[in-house]
Amino acid sequence: MSGGFYPYPKHVWTPTGGWWFTPKNAKTNAVVITTAFVATLLISYKAAKPMEFDPQLEHSEETIAKWNNAVKK
């Protein structure tokens, strides 16, 4: 529930197009930026995945069960 556009000075020039400017290729720009963002996320994920450490993978279930039983005693 927006209030719409408020009055603004018409004599002001801005290099970005001014108030509420929407370029003709705004949808294309949005697709390009979104694609680049998703690609960056995927590259970061693939680079970080081999660096993950999971302690469950380091020890077998039998070893963990032995440790749990030792703690209970």
N, C-alpha and C. Protein backbone atom coordinates (compact mmCIF):
# COMPACT_ATOMS: atom_id res chain seq x y z
N MET A 1 0.83 -1.17 0.00
CA MET A 1 0.00 0.00 0.00
C MET A 1 0.88 1.23 0.00
N SER A 2 1.43 1.53 -1.16
CA SER A 2 2.32 2.68 -1.25
C SER A 2 1.51 3.95 -1.49
N GLY A 3 2.12 5.06 -1.20
CA GLY A 3 1.46 6.34 -1.36
C GLY A 3 1.57 6.88 -2.78
N GLY A 4 2.18 6.12 -3.67
CA GLY A 4 2.34 6.61 -5.03
C GLY A 4 3.56 7.50 -5.14
N PHE A 5 3.60 8.25 -6.20
CA PHE A 5 4.73 9.13 -6.42
C PHE A 5 4.45 10.49 -5.81
N TYR A 6 5.41 11.01 -5.09
CA TYR A 6 5.25 12.33 -4.49
C TYR A 6 5.79 13.38 -5.46
N PRO A 7 5.40 14.63 -5.31
CA PRO A 7 5.88 15.68 -6.21
C PRO A 7 7.39 15.88 -6.06
N TYR A 8 8.05 16.10 -7.17
CA TYR A 8 9.49 16.32 -7.14
C TYR A 8 9.82 17.47 -8.08
N PRO A 9 10.95 18.11 -7.88
CA PRO A 9 11.31 19.25 -8.73
C PRO A 9 11.64 18.78 -10.15
N LYS A 10 11.05 19.40 -11.15
CA LYS A 10 11.25 19.02 -12.54
C LYS A 10 12.55 19.56 -13.11
N HIS A 11 13.13 20.58 -12.49
CA HIS A 11 14.31 21.22 -13.04
C HIS A 11 15.62 20.52 -12.63
N VAL A 12 15.53 19.50 -11.79
CA VAL A 12 16.73 18.81 -11.33
C VAL A 12 17.12 17.74 -12.35
N TRP A 13 18.39 17.75 -12.76
CA TRP A 13 18.89 16.74 -13.68
C TRP A 13 19.82 15.81 -12.92
N THR A 14 19.68 14.52 -13.12
CA THR A 14 20.57 13.56 -12.48
C THR A 14 21.12 12.61 -13.54
N PRO A 15 22.35 12.16 -13.38
CA PRO A 15 22.93 11.26 -14.37
C PRO A 15 22.26 9.88 -14.36
N THR A 16 21.57 9.54 -13.30
CA THR A 16 20.93 8.22 -13.24
C THR A 16 19.52 8.23 -13.79
N GLY A 17 19.01 9.35 -14.20
CA GLY A 17 17.68 9.37 -14.80
C GLY A 17 16.63 10.03 -13.93
N GLY A 18 16.96 10.38 -12.72
CA GLY A 18 16.01 11.09 -11.89
C GLY A 18 15.10 10.18 -11.08
N TRP A 19 14.03 10.76 -10.60
CA TRP A 19 13.10 10.04 -9.76
C TRP A 19 12.32 9.02 -10.58
N TRP A 20 12.18 7.82 -10.08
CA TRP A 20 11.36 6.75 -10.65
C TRP A 20 11.69 6.46 -12.11
N PHE A 21 12.96 6.48 -12.42
CA PHE A 21 13.39 6.21 -13.79
C PHE A 21 13.46 4.71 -14.01
N THR A 22 12.87 4.23 -15.08
CA THR A 22 12.94 2.83 -15.46
C THR A 22 13.44 2.76 -16.90
N PRO A 23 14.66 2.27 -17.11
CA PRO A 23 15.17 2.21 -18.47
C PRO A 23 14.41 1.20 -19.32
N LYS A 24 14.55 1.31 -20.64
CA LYS A 24 13.84 0.42 -21.54
C LYS A 24 14.26 -1.04 -21.36
N ASN A 25 15.51 -1.26 -21.00
CA ASN A 25 16.01 -2.62 -20.85
C ASN A 25 16.11 -3.04 -19.37
N ALA A 26 15.23 -2.56 -18.54
CA ALA A 26 15.29 -2.87 -17.11
C ALA A 26 15.12 -4.36 -16.84
N LYS A 27 14.22 -5.02 -17.55
CA LYS A 27 14.02 -6.46 -17.34
C LYS A 27 15.24 -7.25 -17.77
N THR A 28 15.84 -6.86 -18.89
CA THR A 28 17.05 -7.54 -19.34
C THR A 28 18.18 -7.34 -18.35
N ASN A 29 18.33 -6.12 -17.85
CA ASN A 29 19.35 -5.84 -16.85
C ASN A 29 19.14 -6.69 -15.60
N ALA A 30 17.89 -6.83 -15.18
CA ALA A 30 17.59 -7.62 -13.99
C ALA A 30 17.95 -9.09 -14.22
N VAL A 31 17.66 -9.60 -15.40
CA VAL A 31 18.00 -11.00 -15.71
C VAL A 31 19.51 -11.20 -15.72
N VAL A 32 20.22 -10.28 -16.32
CA VAL A 32 21.68 -10.38 -16.39
C VAL A 32 22.29 -10.34 -14.99
N ILE A 33 21.85 -9.42 -14.17
CA ILE A 33 22.40 -9.29 -12.82
C ILE A 33 22.04 -10.51 -11.98
N THR A 34 20.82 -10.99 -12.09
CA THR A 34 20.40 -12.18 -11.34
C THR A 34 21.21 -13.40 -11.77
N THR A 35 21.42 -13.56 -13.06
CA THR A 35 22.22 -14.68 -13.56
C THR A 35 23.66 -14.60 -13.05
N ALA A 36 24.24 -13.42 -13.07
CA ALA A 36 25.60 -13.24 -12.57
C ALA A 36 25.67 -13.54 -11.07
N PHE A 37 24.66 -13.11 -10.34
CA PHE A 37 24.63 -13.35 -8.89
C PHE A 37 24.54 -14.84 -8.59
N VAL A 38 23.65 -15.54 -9.29
CA VAL A 38 23.49 -16.98 -9.07
C VAL A 38 24.77 -17.72 -9.47
N ALA A 39 25.39 -17.31 -10.57
CA ALA A 39 26.64 -17.95 -11.00
C ALA A 39 27.73 -17.76 -9.95
N THR A 40 27.80 -16.56 -9.37
CA THR A 40 28.78 -16.30 -8.32
C THR A 40 28.52 -17.18 -7.11
N LEU A 41 27.25 -17.33 -6.74
CA LEU A 41 26.91 -18.19 -5.61
C LEU A 41 27.31 -19.64 -5.88
N LEU A 42 27.03 -20.13 -7.07
CA LEU A 42 27.36 -21.52 -7.41
C LEU A 42 28.87 -21.75 -7.41
N ILE A 43 29.61 -20.81 -7.96
CA ILE A 43 31.07 -20.94 -7.97
C ILE A 43 31.61 -20.94 -6.55
N SER A 44 31.07 -20.06 -5.71
CA SER A 44 31.51 -20.01 -4.30
C SER A 44 31.17 -21.30 -3.58
N TYR A 45 29.99 -21.84 -3.84
CA TYR A 45 29.58 -23.08 -3.19
C TYR A 45 30.49 -24.23 -3.60
N LYS A 46 30.76 -24.34 -4.92
CA LYS A 46 31.61 -25.42 -5.40
C LYS A 46 33.03 -25.29 -4.89
N ALA A 47 33.51 -24.07 -4.70
CA ALA A 47 34.86 -23.86 -4.18
C ALA A 47 34.93 -24.19 -2.69
N ALA A 48 33.85 -23.92 -1.94
CA ALA A 48 33.86 -24.12 -0.50
C ALA A 48 33.53 -25.56 -0.10
N LYS A 49 32.84 -26.29 -0.97
CA LYS A 49 32.39 -27.64 -0.62
C LYS A 49 33.55 -28.57 -0.24
N PRO A 50 34.67 -28.59 -0.96
CA PRO A 50 35.76 -29.48 -0.55
C PRO A 50 36.42 -29.07 0.77
N MET A 51 36.23 -27.85 1.21
CA MET A 51 36.85 -27.38 2.44
C MET A 51 36.02 -27.69 3.68
N GLU A 52 34.81 -28.21 3.50
CA GLU A 52 33.96 -28.49 4.64
C GLU A 52 34.54 -29.63 5.48
N PHE A 53 34.29 -29.56 6.77
CA PHE A 53 34.74 -30.60 7.68
C PHE A 53 33.52 -31.19 8.38
N ASP A 54 33.36 -32.48 8.25
CA ASP A 54 32.25 -33.18 8.90
C ASP A 54 32.84 -34.24 9.83
N PRO A 55 32.74 -34.04 11.14
CA PRO A 55 33.34 -35.01 12.05
C PRO A 55 32.72 -36.40 11.95
N GLN A 56 31.49 -36.50 11.48
CA GLN A 56 30.86 -37.81 11.33
C GLN A 56 31.59 -38.65 10.29
N LEU A 57 32.18 -38.02 9.30
CA LEU A 57 32.89 -38.75 8.26
C LEU A 57 34.27 -39.20 8.72
N GLU A 58 34.82 -38.57 9.72
CA GLU A 58 36.16 -38.90 10.20
C GLU A 58 36.18 -40.19 11.02
N HIS A 59 35.09 -40.51 11.70
CA HIS A 59 35.06 -41.67 12.59
C HIS A 59 33.88 -42.55 12.23
N SER A 60 34.09 -43.85 12.36
CA SER A 60 33.01 -44.77 12.05
C SER A 60 31.94 -44.74 13.14
N GLU A 61 30.78 -45.28 12.81
CA GLU A 61 29.68 -45.33 13.78
C GLU A 61 30.06 -46.19 14.99
N GLU A 62 30.85 -47.23 14.76
CA GLU A 62 31.26 -48.10 15.88
C GLU A 62 32.12 -47.33 16.87
N THR A 63 33.04 -46.54 16.36
CA THR A 63 33.92 -45.76 17.24
C THR A 63 33.11 -44.74 18.03
N ILE A 64 32.18 -44.09 17.39
CA ILE A 64 31.35 -43.11 18.08
C ILE A 64 30.49 -43.80 19.14
N ALA A 65 29.97 -44.99 18.84
CA ALA A 65 29.18 -45.74 19.82
C ALA A 65 30.03 -46.10 21.03
N LYS A 66 31.28 -46.49 20.81
CA LYS A 66 32.19 -46.81 21.93
C LYS A 66 32.41 -45.58 22.80
N TRP A 67 32.61 -44.44 22.18
CA TRP A 67 32.83 -43.21 22.94
C TRP A 67 31.57 -42.85 23.74
N ASN A 68 30.40 -43.01 23.13
CA ASN A 68 29.16 -42.69 23.84
C ASN A 68 28.97 -43.61 25.02
N ASN A 69 29.28 -44.90 24.85
CA ASN A 69 29.17 -45.84 25.97
C ASN A 69 30.16 -45.50 27.07
N ALA A 70 31.34 -45.08 26.72
CA ALA A 70 32.36 -44.71 27.72
C ALA A 70 31.90 -43.48 28.52
N VAL A 71 31.23 -42.56 27.87
CA VAL A 71 30.78 -41.35 28.55
C VAL A 71 29.65 -41.69 29.51
N LYS A 72 28.80 -42.66 29.14
CA LYS A 72 27.66 -43.02 29.99
C LYS A 72 28.12 -43.69 31.28
N LYS A 73 29.26 -44.35 31.27
CA LYS A 73 29.73 -45.08 32.46
C LYS A 73 30.19 -44.19 33.55
